[in-house]
Amino acid sequence: MATIDINTLDPQKTVVVATGNAHKLTEIEAILGQIMDDCRFVALGDLGDYPDPEENGETFYDNALIKAQAALDETGLRMAVADDSGLCVDALGGDPGIHSARWAGEHGNDDANNDKLLLQMQDVPESERTARFHSTVVLVTRDEDGEEILAGNGDCEGTIAYDRRGTNGFGYDPLFNLADIPGRRMAELEPEEKNAISHRRRALDDLVSKLG
């Protein structure tokens, strides 16, 4: 059920964020909103019960673009941001990658996904447990002349731990040892700490650098 009447929004100053993940909305708004400070960021789910597009792309960029374009198609608004992100583990050939959220079979089941990762990494030595969170953020703008697409990419390097630690964040955060902050897990960071170094922050910074 919609919580925001789409008819009350100014299409010129509204950015629809194509996610059902409240964590991502908060993170994207906190960072991108500093640059697009005259815009209102709204979650797609707050505008109505729209169907999820089929994320059948082969890359993070493909799936981010699919989500952003679908949000504009469904709402008729003019600006949309979408992120596609995931964990890429070197010892697993880059998996779970674009399948990170549904790797264990059920979309968004963090416990099952983490269990699967621990199982597959149980015999991998410390020196080979390197990984990174990757994010691609896409901004799509539409007007009478067509469509413009800008994308930013970012990575956060680290290693996969042998057990969970920390209660913040989501996804694989409890298993991710940060290269930027030795001894800390992603799930041990406060939101402002995570926003400063996250893969989405770096992707958004990359996107912002292209907005000028």
N, C-alpha and C. Protein backbone atom coordinates (compact mmCIF):
# COMPACT_ATOMS: atom_id res chain seq x y z
N MET A 1 0.85 -1.20 0.00
CA MET A 1 0.00 0.00 0.00
C MET A 1 0.88 1.25 0.00
N ALA A 2 0.55 2.19 -0.88
CA ALA A 2 1.35 3.40 -1.01
C ALA A 2 1.25 4.26 0.24
N THR A 3 2.37 4.81 0.67
CA THR A 3 2.39 5.73 1.80
C THR A 3 2.65 7.17 1.36
N ILE A 4 3.04 7.33 0.09
CA ILE A 4 3.25 8.65 -0.49
C ILE A 4 2.40 8.76 -1.75
N ASP A 5 1.60 9.83 -1.83
CA ASP A 5 0.77 10.06 -3.01
C ASP A 5 1.67 10.60 -4.12
N ILE A 6 1.83 9.81 -5.16
CA ILE A 6 2.75 10.20 -6.23
C ILE A 6 2.34 11.50 -6.89
N ASN A 7 1.06 11.82 -6.82
CA ASN A 7 0.56 13.05 -7.45
C ASN A 7 1.01 14.31 -6.71
N THR A 8 1.50 14.14 -5.49
CA THR A 8 1.97 15.31 -4.72
C THR A 8 3.46 15.59 -4.97
N LEU A 9 4.12 14.76 -5.77
CA LEU A 9 5.55 14.90 -5.99
C LEU A 9 5.85 15.75 -7.22
N ASP A 10 6.90 16.51 -7.15
CA ASP A 10 7.38 17.29 -8.28
C ASP A 10 8.31 16.40 -9.10
N PRO A 11 7.92 16.00 -10.31
CA PRO A 11 8.76 15.09 -11.10
C PRO A 11 10.16 15.64 -11.37
N GLN A 12 10.29 16.98 -11.36
CA GLN A 12 11.59 17.58 -11.64
C GLN A 12 12.54 17.47 -10.44
N LYS A 13 11.99 17.23 -9.26
CA LYS A 13 12.80 17.24 -8.05
C LYS A 13 12.60 15.99 -7.19
N THR A 14 12.19 14.91 -7.84
CA THR A 14 11.98 13.66 -7.13
C THR A 14 12.86 12.57 -7.73
N VAL A 15 13.57 11.89 -6.88
CA VAL A 15 14.38 10.74 -7.30
C VAL A 15 13.77 9.50 -6.67
N VAL A 16 13.30 8.59 -7.51
CA VAL A 16 12.76 7.35 -6.98
C VAL A 16 13.92 6.36 -6.85
N VAL A 17 14.06 5.80 -5.67
CA VAL A 17 15.13 4.85 -5.39
C VAL A 17 14.55 3.45 -5.55
N ALA A 18 15.05 2.73 -6.53
CA ALA A 18 14.46 1.44 -6.90
C ALA A 18 15.01 0.33 -6.01
N THR A 19 14.52 0.30 -4.79
CA THR A 19 14.92 -0.75 -3.86
C THR A 19 13.81 -0.97 -2.84
N GLY A 20 13.73 -2.21 -2.36
CA GLY A 20 12.85 -2.50 -1.25
C GLY A 20 13.63 -2.64 0.04
N ASN A 21 14.93 -2.37 -0.04
CA ASN A 21 15.82 -2.51 1.10
C ASN A 21 15.98 -1.15 1.79
N ALA A 22 15.44 -1.03 3.00
CA ALA A 22 15.47 0.25 3.71
C ALA A 22 16.90 0.69 4.00
N HIS A 23 17.81 -0.27 4.21
CA HIS A 23 19.21 0.07 4.46
C HIS A 23 19.81 0.79 3.26
N LYS A 24 19.53 0.28 2.07
CA LYS A 24 20.09 0.89 0.86
C LYS A 24 19.52 2.28 0.62
N LEU A 25 18.21 2.43 0.84
CA LEU A 25 17.60 3.75 0.68
C LEU A 25 18.27 4.77 1.58
N THR A 26 18.45 4.41 2.82
CA THR A 26 19.09 5.33 3.78
C THR A 26 20.50 5.69 3.35
N GLU A 27 21.24 4.70 2.92
CA GLU A 27 22.63 4.91 2.52
C GLU A 27 22.72 5.78 1.27
N ILE A 28 21.90 5.49 0.27
CA ILE A 28 21.91 6.25 -0.97
C ILE A 28 21.48 7.69 -0.73
N GLU A 29 20.43 7.88 0.06
CA GLU A 29 19.96 9.24 0.33
C GLU A 29 20.98 10.04 1.13
N ALA A 30 21.62 9.39 2.09
CA ALA A 30 22.59 10.09 2.94
C ALA A 30 23.78 10.60 2.13
N ILE A 31 24.18 9.86 1.11
CA ILE A 31 25.36 10.22 0.33
C ILE A 31 24.99 11.08 -0.88
N LEU A 32 24.09 10.58 -1.72
CA LEU A 32 23.74 11.30 -2.95
C LEU A 32 22.95 12.57 -2.64
N GLY A 33 22.21 12.54 -1.53
CA GLY A 33 21.41 13.71 -1.16
C GLY A 33 22.24 14.93 -0.81
N GLN A 34 23.51 14.72 -0.47
CA GLN A 34 24.37 15.85 -0.19
C GLN A 34 24.68 16.65 -1.46
N ILE A 35 24.63 15.97 -2.60
CA ILE A 35 24.89 16.62 -3.88
C ILE A 35 23.59 17.09 -4.52
N MET A 36 22.60 16.23 -4.53
CA MET A 36 21.29 16.55 -5.13
C MET A 36 20.38 17.05 -4.00
N ASP A 37 20.81 18.14 -3.35
CA ASP A 37 20.14 18.57 -2.13
C ASP A 37 18.79 19.25 -2.36
N ASP A 38 18.45 19.51 -3.62
CA ASP A 38 17.14 20.08 -3.91
C ASP A 38 16.13 19.02 -4.29
N CYS A 39 16.55 17.75 -4.21
CA CYS A 39 15.67 16.65 -4.60
C CYS A 39 15.16 15.89 -3.39
N ARG A 40 14.00 15.31 -3.56
CA ARG A 40 13.43 14.43 -2.56
C ARG A 40 13.64 12.99 -3.02
N PHE A 41 14.18 12.17 -2.14
CA PHE A 41 14.41 10.76 -2.45
C PHE A 41 13.27 9.94 -1.84
N VAL A 42 12.64 9.13 -2.67
CA VAL A 42 11.54 8.29 -2.20
C VAL A 42 11.76 6.86 -2.67
N ALA A 43 11.39 5.94 -1.82
CA ALA A 43 11.51 4.53 -2.18
C ALA A 43 10.36 4.13 -3.10
N LEU A 44 10.67 3.30 -4.06
CA LEU A 44 9.65 2.83 -4.99
C LEU A 44 8.48 2.18 -4.25
N GLY A 45 8.78 1.41 -3.21
CA GLY A 45 7.73 0.72 -2.48
C GLY A 45 6.79 1.65 -1.74
N ASP A 46 7.24 2.89 -1.47
CA ASP A 46 6.38 3.86 -0.80
C ASP A 46 5.40 4.53 -1.75
N LEU A 47 5.57 4.29 -3.04
CA LEU A 47 4.70 4.91 -4.04
C LEU A 47 3.61 3.98 -4.53
N GLY A 48 3.74 2.71 -4.23
CA GLY A 48 2.73 1.76 -4.67
C GLY A 48 3.28 0.35 -4.68
N ASP A 49 2.43 -0.59 -4.98
CA ASP A 49 2.80 -2.00 -5.00
C ASP A 49 3.17 -2.39 -6.43
N TYR A 50 4.40 -2.11 -6.80
CA TYR A 50 4.85 -2.38 -8.15
C TYR A 50 5.55 -3.73 -8.23
N PRO A 51 5.42 -4.42 -9.35
CA PRO A 51 6.08 -5.73 -9.48
C PRO A 51 7.59 -5.55 -9.61
N ASP A 52 8.33 -6.51 -9.09
CA ASP A 52 9.78 -6.49 -9.25
C ASP A 52 10.14 -6.87 -10.68
N PRO A 53 11.03 -6.11 -11.30
CA PRO A 53 11.46 -6.51 -12.65
C PRO A 53 12.33 -7.76 -12.57
N GLU A 54 12.40 -8.46 -13.67
CA GLU A 54 13.27 -9.64 -13.72
C GLU A 54 14.71 -9.18 -13.89
N GLU A 55 15.52 -9.48 -12.89
CA GLU A 55 16.93 -9.09 -12.94
C GLU A 55 17.72 -10.18 -13.66
N ASN A 56 17.64 -10.15 -14.97
CA ASN A 56 18.25 -11.20 -15.78
C ASN A 56 19.52 -10.74 -16.48
N GLY A 57 20.12 -9.66 -15.99
CA GLY A 57 21.36 -9.19 -16.57
C GLY A 57 22.53 -10.08 -16.21
N GLU A 58 23.63 -9.88 -16.91
CA GLU A 58 24.82 -10.68 -16.67
C GLU A 58 25.85 -9.95 -15.82
N THR A 59 25.59 -8.67 -15.53
CA THR A 59 26.53 -7.87 -14.75
C THR A 59 25.77 -7.05 -13.72
N PHE A 60 26.51 -6.47 -12.76
CA PHE A 60 25.90 -5.56 -11.80
C PHE A 60 25.28 -4.37 -12.52
N TYR A 61 25.97 -3.85 -13.53
CA TYR A 61 25.44 -2.71 -14.29
C TYR A 61 24.13 -3.07 -14.95
N ASP A 62 24.07 -4.22 -15.60
CA ASP A 62 22.84 -4.64 -16.28
C ASP A 62 21.65 -4.62 -15.32
N ASN A 63 21.83 -5.22 -14.16
CA ASN A 63 20.72 -5.35 -13.23
C ASN A 63 20.34 -4.02 -12.59
N ALA A 64 21.33 -3.16 -12.32
CA ALA A 64 21.02 -1.84 -11.79
C ALA A 64 20.21 -1.04 -12.80
N LEU A 65 20.60 -1.12 -14.07
CA LEU A 65 19.88 -0.40 -15.12
C LEU A 65 18.46 -0.93 -15.29
N ILE A 66 18.30 -2.24 -15.24
CA ILE A 66 16.96 -2.83 -15.34
C ILE A 66 16.05 -2.27 -14.25
N LYS A 67 16.56 -2.19 -13.02
CA LYS A 67 15.74 -1.71 -11.90
C LYS A 67 15.42 -0.23 -12.02
N ALA A 68 16.39 0.57 -12.44
CA ALA A 68 16.14 2.01 -12.56
C ALA A 68 15.13 2.31 -13.67
N GLN A 69 15.30 1.67 -14.80
CA GLN A 69 14.38 1.91 -15.92
C GLN A 69 12.97 1.42 -15.60
N ALA A 70 12.87 0.30 -14.91
CA ALA A 70 11.55 -0.21 -14.52
C ALA A 70 10.86 0.75 -13.57
N ALA A 71 11.61 1.36 -12.66
CA ALA A 71 11.02 2.31 -11.72
C ALA A 71 10.44 3.51 -12.44
N LEU A 72 11.13 3.97 -13.47
CA LEU A 72 10.60 5.10 -14.26
C LEU A 72 9.39 4.66 -15.08
N ASP A 73 9.45 3.49 -15.67
CA ASP A 73 8.31 2.97 -16.43
C ASP A 73 7.06 2.88 -15.56
N GLU A 74 7.23 2.43 -14.33
CA GLU A 74 6.09 2.15 -13.46
C GLU A 74 5.52 3.42 -12.84
N THR A 75 6.36 4.39 -12.54
CA THR A 75 5.90 5.58 -11.83
C THR A 75 5.65 6.78 -12.73
N GLY A 76 6.28 6.81 -13.88
CA GLY A 76 6.17 7.98 -14.74
C GLY A 76 7.02 9.15 -14.28
N LEU A 77 7.84 8.94 -13.25
CA LEU A 77 8.74 9.99 -12.79
C LEU A 77 9.93 10.11 -13.74
N ARG A 78 10.81 11.08 -13.47
CA ARG A 78 11.86 11.40 -14.44
C ARG A 78 13.27 11.04 -13.99
N MET A 79 13.44 10.72 -12.72
CA MET A 79 14.77 10.37 -12.23
C MET A 79 14.67 9.14 -11.33
N ALA A 80 15.57 8.21 -11.56
CA ALA A 80 15.60 7.00 -10.73
C ALA A 80 17.04 6.60 -10.47
N VAL A 81 17.26 6.10 -9.27
CA VAL A 81 18.56 5.55 -8.89
C VAL A 81 18.35 4.10 -8.49
N ALA A 82 19.25 3.26 -8.95
CA ALA A 82 19.22 1.86 -8.55
C ALA A 82 20.64 1.38 -8.33
N ASP A 83 20.77 0.51 -7.36
CA ASP A 83 22.07 -0.08 -7.04
C ASP A 83 21.98 -1.59 -7.22
N ASP A 84 23.03 -2.16 -7.75
CA ASP A 84 23.16 -3.61 -7.68
C ASP A 84 24.52 -3.90 -7.10
N SER A 85 24.52 -4.71 -6.09
CA SER A 85 25.76 -4.94 -5.37
C SER A 85 25.84 -6.37 -4.91
N GLY A 86 27.05 -6.77 -4.54
CA GLY A 86 27.22 -8.13 -4.08
C GLY A 86 28.63 -8.39 -3.61
N LEU A 87 28.81 -9.59 -3.11
CA LEU A 87 30.10 -10.02 -2.59
C LEU A 87 30.79 -10.90 -3.63
N CYS A 88 32.03 -10.56 -3.94
CA CYS A 88 32.81 -11.33 -4.91
C CYS A 88 34.00 -11.96 -4.20
N VAL A 89 34.02 -13.26 -4.12
CA VAL A 89 35.06 -13.99 -3.38
C VAL A 89 36.02 -14.63 -4.38
N ASP A 90 37.29 -14.30 -4.26
CA ASP A 90 38.28 -14.77 -5.24
C ASP A 90 38.37 -16.29 -5.28
N ALA A 91 38.36 -16.93 -4.12
CA ALA A 91 38.50 -18.39 -4.07
C ALA A 91 37.31 -19.12 -4.69
N LEU A 92 36.19 -18.40 -4.85
CA LEU A 92 34.99 -18.98 -5.44
C LEU A 92 34.77 -18.49 -6.86
N GLY A 93 35.83 -17.97 -7.48
CA GLY A 93 35.71 -17.51 -8.86
C GLY A 93 34.83 -16.29 -9.03
N GLY A 94 34.70 -15.48 -7.98
CA GLY A 94 33.86 -14.29 -8.05
C GLY A 94 32.46 -14.47 -7.51
N ASP A 95 32.09 -15.69 -7.17
CA ASP A 95 30.78 -15.93 -6.56
C ASP A 95 30.78 -15.39 -5.13
N PRO A 96 29.60 -15.09 -4.60
CA PRO A 96 28.27 -15.21 -5.22
C PRO A 96 27.94 -14.10 -6.22
N GLY A 97 28.69 -13.01 -6.25
CA GLY A 97 28.53 -11.99 -7.29
C GLY A 97 27.13 -11.45 -7.41
N ILE A 98 26.62 -11.42 -8.64
CA ILE A 98 25.28 -10.86 -8.87
C ILE A 98 24.18 -11.69 -8.22
N HIS A 99 24.51 -12.88 -7.78
CA HIS A 99 23.52 -13.75 -7.13
C HIS A 99 23.58 -13.66 -5.61
N SER A 100 24.29 -12.67 -5.07
CA SER A 100 24.56 -12.62 -3.63
C SER A 100 23.31 -12.70 -2.77
N ALA A 101 22.26 -11.96 -3.13
CA ALA A 101 21.08 -11.89 -2.27
C ALA A 101 20.28 -13.19 -2.24
N ARG A 102 20.42 -13.99 -3.27
CA ARG A 102 19.61 -15.22 -3.38
C ARG A 102 20.49 -16.46 -3.55
N TRP A 103 21.72 -16.37 -3.10
CA TRP A 103 22.71 -17.42 -3.36
C TRP A 103 22.27 -18.77 -2.80
N ALA A 104 21.67 -18.77 -1.64
CA ALA A 104 21.25 -20.03 -1.01
C ALA A 104 19.85 -20.47 -1.45
N GLY A 105 19.24 -19.70 -2.34
CA GLY A 105 17.95 -20.12 -2.89
C GLY A 105 16.80 -19.19 -2.60
N GLU A 106 16.76 -18.62 -1.39
CA GLU A 106 15.67 -17.73 -1.02
C GLU A 106 16.18 -16.30 -0.97
N HIS A 107 15.57 -15.42 -1.73
CA HIS A 107 16.04 -14.04 -1.83
C HIS A 107 16.03 -13.36 -0.46
N GLY A 108 17.18 -12.80 -0.09
CA GLY A 108 17.26 -12.03 1.15
C GLY A 108 17.41 -12.84 2.42
N ASN A 109 17.65 -14.14 2.31
CA ASN A 109 17.84 -14.97 3.51
C ASN A 109 19.31 -14.89 3.92
N ASP A 110 19.64 -13.90 4.74
CA ASP A 110 21.03 -13.64 5.09
C ASP A 110 21.66 -14.82 5.82
N ASP A 111 20.93 -15.43 6.74
CA ASP A 111 21.48 -16.54 7.51
C ASP A 111 21.86 -17.71 6.60
N ALA A 112 20.98 -18.04 5.68
CA ALA A 112 21.25 -19.14 4.76
C ALA A 112 22.43 -18.82 3.85
N ASN A 113 22.48 -17.59 3.37
CA ASN A 113 23.59 -17.19 2.50
C ASN A 113 24.93 -17.26 3.23
N ASN A 114 24.94 -16.78 4.48
CA ASN A 114 26.16 -16.82 5.26
C ASN A 114 26.58 -18.26 5.59
N ASP A 115 25.60 -19.10 5.88
CA ASP A 115 25.90 -20.51 6.14
C ASP A 115 26.55 -21.15 4.91
N LYS A 116 26.03 -20.86 3.74
CA LYS A 116 26.58 -21.43 2.51
C LYS A 116 28.00 -20.93 2.28
N LEU A 117 28.24 -19.65 2.53
CA LEU A 117 29.58 -19.10 2.35
C LEU A 117 30.58 -19.75 3.30
N LEU A 118 30.19 -19.88 4.57
CA LEU A 118 31.08 -20.51 5.54
C LEU A 118 31.41 -21.95 5.14
N LEU A 119 30.40 -22.67 4.65
CA LEU A 119 30.61 -24.06 4.25
C LEU A 119 31.58 -24.14 3.07
N GLN A 120 31.37 -23.30 2.08
CA GLN A 120 32.21 -23.37 0.89
C GLN A 120 33.63 -22.87 1.15
N MET A 121 33.81 -22.06 2.19
CA MET A 121 35.12 -21.50 2.49
C MET A 121 35.82 -22.21 3.64
N GLN A 122 35.24 -23.28 4.16
CA GLN A 122 35.76 -23.87 5.39
C GLN A 122 37.19 -24.40 5.26
N ASP A 123 37.59 -24.84 4.07
CA ASP A 123 38.94 -25.39 3.89
C ASP A 123 39.88 -24.44 3.17
N VAL A 124 39.45 -23.20 2.97
CA VAL A 124 40.28 -22.22 2.26
C VAL A 124 41.20 -21.54 3.26
N PRO A 125 42.51 -21.54 3.02
CA PRO A 125 43.43 -20.93 3.98
C PRO A 125 43.32 -19.42 4.03
N GLU A 126 43.81 -18.85 5.11
CA GLU A 126 43.70 -17.41 5.35
C GLU A 126 44.22 -16.58 4.18
N SER A 127 45.32 -17.02 3.60
CA SER A 127 45.95 -16.23 2.53
C SER A 127 45.13 -16.20 1.25
N GLU A 128 44.13 -17.07 1.13
CA GLU A 128 43.34 -17.15 -0.09
C GLU A 128 41.88 -16.75 0.12
N ARG A 129 41.61 -16.07 1.23
CA ARG A 129 40.22 -15.72 1.56
C ARG A 129 39.87 -14.28 1.16
N THR A 130 40.60 -13.73 0.21
CA THR A 130 40.36 -12.36 -0.23
C THR A 130 39.02 -12.23 -0.95
N ALA A 131 38.42 -11.06 -0.76
CA ALA A 131 37.10 -10.80 -1.35
C ALA A 131 36.87 -9.31 -1.39
N ARG A 132 35.79 -8.93 -2.04
CA ARG A 132 35.41 -7.51 -2.06
C ARG A 132 33.90 -7.40 -2.24
N PHE A 133 33.35 -6.39 -1.62
CA PHE A 133 31.99 -5.98 -1.94
C PHE A 133 32.08 -5.05 -3.14
N HIS A 134 31.23 -5.28 -4.13
CA HIS A 134 31.17 -4.40 -5.30
C HIS A 134 29.79 -3.78 -5.42
N SER A 135 29.76 -2.55 -5.86
CA SER A 135 28.49 -1.87 -6.10
C SER A 135 28.55 -1.11 -7.42
N THR A 136 27.49 -1.20 -8.18
CA THR A 136 27.27 -0.34 -9.33
C THR A 136 25.98 0.44 -9.08
N VAL A 137 26.07 1.76 -9.12
CA VAL A 137 24.91 2.62 -8.94
C VAL A 137 24.62 3.32 -10.27
N VAL A 138 23.37 3.26 -10.68
CA VAL A 138 22.96 3.86 -11.95
C VAL A 138 21.93 4.94 -11.69
N LEU A 139 22.12 6.10 -12.31
CA LEU A 139 21.14 7.19 -12.29
C LEU A 139 20.60 7.35 -13.71
N VAL A 140 19.30 7.21 -13.84
CA VAL A 140 18.64 7.37 -15.14
C VAL A 140 17.73 8.59 -15.08
N THR A 141 17.90 9.49 -16.03
CA THR A 141 17.02 10.66 -16.14
C THR A 141 16.33 10.63 -17.50
N ARG A 142 15.06 10.98 -17.48
CA ARG A 142 14.27 10.99 -18.72
C ARG A 142 13.61 12.35 -18.91
N ASP A 143 13.54 12.77 -20.16
CA ASP A 143 12.73 13.94 -20.51
C ASP A 143 12.22 13.74 -21.93
N GLU A 144 11.68 14.81 -22.50
CA GLU A 144 11.08 14.70 -23.82
C GLU A 144 12.10 14.33 -24.90
N ASP A 145 13.37 14.57 -24.62
CA ASP A 145 14.42 14.30 -25.61
C ASP A 145 15.02 12.90 -25.50
N GLY A 146 14.61 12.18 -24.47
CA GLY A 146 15.14 10.83 -24.33
C GLY A 146 15.64 10.52 -22.93
N GLU A 147 16.65 9.71 -22.88
CA GLU A 147 17.12 9.16 -21.61
C GLU A 147 18.63 9.33 -21.49
N GLU A 148 19.07 9.68 -20.28
CA GLU A 148 20.50 9.76 -20.00
C GLU A 148 20.83 8.80 -18.86
N ILE A 149 21.93 8.10 -19.01
CA ILE A 149 22.34 7.10 -18.03
C ILE A 149 23.74 7.43 -17.54
N LEU A 150 23.89 7.51 -16.23
CA LEU A 150 25.20 7.66 -15.62
C LEU A 150 25.39 6.52 -14.62
N ALA A 151 26.60 6.03 -14.52
CA ALA A 151 26.86 4.91 -13.61
C ALA A 151 28.15 5.15 -12.84
N GLY A 152 28.17 4.69 -11.61
CA GLY A 152 29.37 4.73 -10.79
C GLY A 152 29.66 3.35 -10.23
N ASN A 153 30.94 3.06 -10.04
CA ASN A 153 31.36 1.75 -9.53
C ASN A 153 32.26 1.92 -8.32
N GLY A 154 32.14 1.00 -7.38
CA GLY A 154 32.97 1.06 -6.19
C GLY A 154 33.20 -0.31 -5.58
N ASP A 155 34.35 -0.46 -4.94
CA ASP A 155 34.70 -1.71 -4.27
C ASP A 155 35.16 -1.44 -2.85
N CYS A 156 34.93 -2.41 -1.99
CA CYS A 156 35.43 -2.39 -0.62
C CYS A 156 36.14 -3.72 -0.40
N GLU A 157 37.47 -3.65 -0.21
CA GLU A 157 38.28 -4.86 -0.14
C GLU A 157 38.30 -5.45 1.28
N GLY A 158 38.50 -6.76 1.34
CA GLY A 158 38.59 -7.42 2.63
C GLY A 158 38.86 -8.91 2.48
N THR A 159 38.56 -9.64 3.53
CA THR A 159 38.71 -11.09 3.53
C THR A 159 37.51 -11.72 4.22
N ILE A 160 37.30 -13.00 3.96
CA ILE A 160 36.18 -13.72 4.56
C ILE A 160 36.64 -14.37 5.86
N ALA A 161 35.90 -14.10 6.93
CA ALA A 161 36.24 -14.65 8.25
C ALA A 161 35.74 -16.09 8.37
N TYR A 162 36.07 -16.70 9.49
CA TYR A 162 35.67 -18.08 9.75
C TYR A 162 34.39 -18.16 10.58
N ASP A 163 33.93 -17.01 11.07
CA ASP A 163 32.70 -17.00 11.87
C ASP A 163 32.07 -15.60 11.79
N ARG A 164 30.83 -15.51 12.25
CA ARG A 164 30.11 -14.24 12.24
C ARG A 164 30.54 -13.36 13.42
N ARG A 165 30.48 -12.05 13.21
CA ARG A 165 30.69 -11.12 14.31
C ARG A 165 30.05 -9.79 13.95
N GLY A 166 29.38 -9.19 14.92
CA GLY A 166 28.74 -7.90 14.70
C GLY A 166 27.26 -8.04 14.43
N THR A 167 26.52 -7.00 14.78
CA THR A 167 25.06 -7.04 14.65
C THR A 167 24.51 -5.93 13.77
N ASN A 168 25.38 -5.09 13.23
CA ASN A 168 24.92 -4.02 12.34
C ASN A 168 24.96 -4.49 10.89
N GLY A 169 24.40 -3.67 10.02
CA GLY A 169 24.45 -4.00 8.61
C GLY A 169 23.51 -5.13 8.23
N PHE A 170 23.83 -5.79 7.12
CA PHE A 170 22.98 -6.85 6.60
C PHE A 170 23.80 -7.69 5.63
N GLY A 171 23.18 -8.70 5.06
CA GLY A 171 23.87 -9.52 4.08
C GLY A 171 25.07 -10.24 4.68
N TYR A 172 26.19 -10.13 4.01
CA TYR A 172 27.41 -10.83 4.41
C TYR A 172 28.28 -10.01 5.35
N ASP A 173 27.78 -8.89 5.83
CA ASP A 173 28.58 -8.00 6.68
C ASP A 173 29.22 -8.69 7.88
N PRO A 174 28.54 -9.64 8.56
CA PRO A 174 29.16 -10.26 9.74
C PRO A 174 30.38 -11.13 9.43
N LEU A 175 30.57 -11.51 8.16
CA LEU A 175 31.68 -12.37 7.77
C LEU A 175 32.80 -11.62 7.07
N PHE A 176 32.65 -10.30 6.91
CA PHE A 176 33.59 -9.55 6.08
C PHE A 176 34.57 -8.76 6.92
N ASN A 177 35.84 -9.19 6.89
CA ASN A 177 36.92 -8.45 7.54
C ASN A 177 37.36 -7.31 6.63
N LEU A 178 37.38 -6.11 7.17
CA LEU A 178 37.68 -4.93 6.37
C LEU A 178 39.18 -4.71 6.21
N ALA A 179 39.61 -4.52 4.97
CA ALA A 179 41.01 -4.16 4.74
C ALA A 179 41.28 -2.73 5.22
N ASP A 180 40.28 -1.86 5.09
CA ASP A 180 40.45 -0.45 5.47
C ASP A 180 40.56 -0.25 6.97
N ILE A 181 39.92 -1.13 7.74
CA ILE A 181 39.94 -1.01 9.20
C ILE A 181 40.29 -2.38 9.76
N PRO A 182 41.57 -2.71 9.83
CA PRO A 182 41.97 -4.04 10.30
C PRO A 182 41.38 -4.37 11.67
N GLY A 183 40.91 -5.60 11.79
CA GLY A 183 40.33 -6.05 13.05
C GLY A 183 38.85 -5.79 13.18
N ARG A 184 38.25 -5.11 12.21
CA ARG A 184 36.81 -4.80 12.27
C ARG A 184 36.06 -5.54 11.17
N ARG A 185 34.87 -5.98 11.51
CA ARG A 185 33.95 -6.54 10.52
C ARG A 185 33.03 -5.43 10.01
N MET A 186 32.53 -5.62 8.82
CA MET A 186 31.58 -4.64 8.29
C MET A 186 30.38 -4.51 9.22
N ALA A 187 29.96 -5.61 9.83
CA ALA A 187 28.79 -5.60 10.71
C ALA A 187 29.05 -4.97 12.07
N GLU A 188 30.30 -4.58 12.32
CA GLU A 188 30.63 -3.90 13.59
C GLU A 188 30.67 -2.39 13.43
N LEU A 189 30.46 -1.90 12.22
CA LEU A 189 30.52 -0.47 11.98
C LEU A 189 29.19 0.20 12.27
N GLU A 190 29.25 1.41 12.81
CA GLU A 190 28.06 2.24 12.90
C GLU A 190 27.72 2.75 11.50
N PRO A 191 26.45 3.11 11.25
CA PRO A 191 26.07 3.53 9.90
C PRO A 191 26.96 4.62 9.31
N GLU A 192 27.34 5.61 10.12
CA GLU A 192 28.17 6.69 9.57
C GLU A 192 29.57 6.19 9.23
N GLU A 193 30.07 5.20 9.96
CA GLU A 193 31.37 4.62 9.64
C GLU A 193 31.30 3.84 8.33
N LYS A 194 30.23 3.06 8.19
CA LYS A 194 30.07 2.27 6.98
C LYS A 194 29.88 3.18 5.76
N ASN A 195 29.08 4.23 5.92
CA ASN A 195 28.85 5.13 4.80
C ASN A 195 30.13 5.78 4.30
N ALA A 196 31.11 5.90 5.18
CA ALA A 196 32.36 6.57 4.79
C ALA A 196 33.25 5.70 3.92
N ILE A 197 33.12 4.37 4.02
CA ILE A 197 34.05 3.50 3.30
C ILE A 197 33.38 2.43 2.44
N SER A 198 32.06 2.37 2.46
CA SER A 198 31.38 1.25 1.80
C SER A 198 31.56 1.28 0.29
N HIS A 199 31.32 0.14 -0.31
CA HIS A 199 31.35 0.01 -1.76
C HIS A 199 30.31 0.92 -2.41
N ARG A 200 29.13 1.06 -1.77
CA ARG A 200 28.12 1.95 -2.31
C ARG A 200 28.58 3.40 -2.22
N ARG A 201 29.25 3.75 -1.12
CA ARG A 201 29.77 5.11 -1.00
C ARG A 201 30.75 5.39 -2.13
N ARG A 202 31.62 4.46 -2.41
CA ARG A 202 32.60 4.67 -3.46
C ARG A 202 31.95 4.71 -4.84
N ALA A 203 30.92 3.89 -5.03
CA ALA A 203 30.20 3.93 -6.30
C ALA A 203 29.45 5.25 -6.45
N LEU A 204 28.85 5.72 -5.36
CA LEU A 204 28.14 6.99 -5.39
C LEU A 204 29.10 8.15 -5.61
N ASP A 205 30.27 8.10 -4.97
CA ASP A 205 31.29 9.13 -5.20
C ASP A 205 31.71 9.14 -6.66
N ASP A 206 31.87 7.95 -7.24
CA ASP A 206 32.23 7.85 -8.65
C ASP A 206 31.12 8.44 -9.52
N LEU A 207 29.86 8.14 -9.16
CA LEU A 207 28.72 8.71 -9.89
C LEU A 207 28.69 10.22 -9.77
N VAL A 208 28.89 10.72 -8.55
CA VAL A 208 28.85 12.17 -8.32
C VAL A 208 29.91 12.88 -9.15
N SER A 209 31.07 12.24 -9.30
CA SER A 209 32.15 12.86 -10.08
C SER A 209 31.77 13.05 -11.53
N LYS A 210 30.75 12.32 -11.98
CA LYS A 210 30.31 12.41 -13.38
C LYS A 210 29.10 13.34 -13.55
N LEU A 211 28.53 13.78 -12.41
CA LEU A 211 27.35 14.63 -12.49
C LEU A 211 27.69 16.07 -12.87
N GLY A 212 28.91 16.50 -12.58
CA GLY A 212 29.31 17.87 -12.88
C GLY A 212 29.49 18.08 -14.37
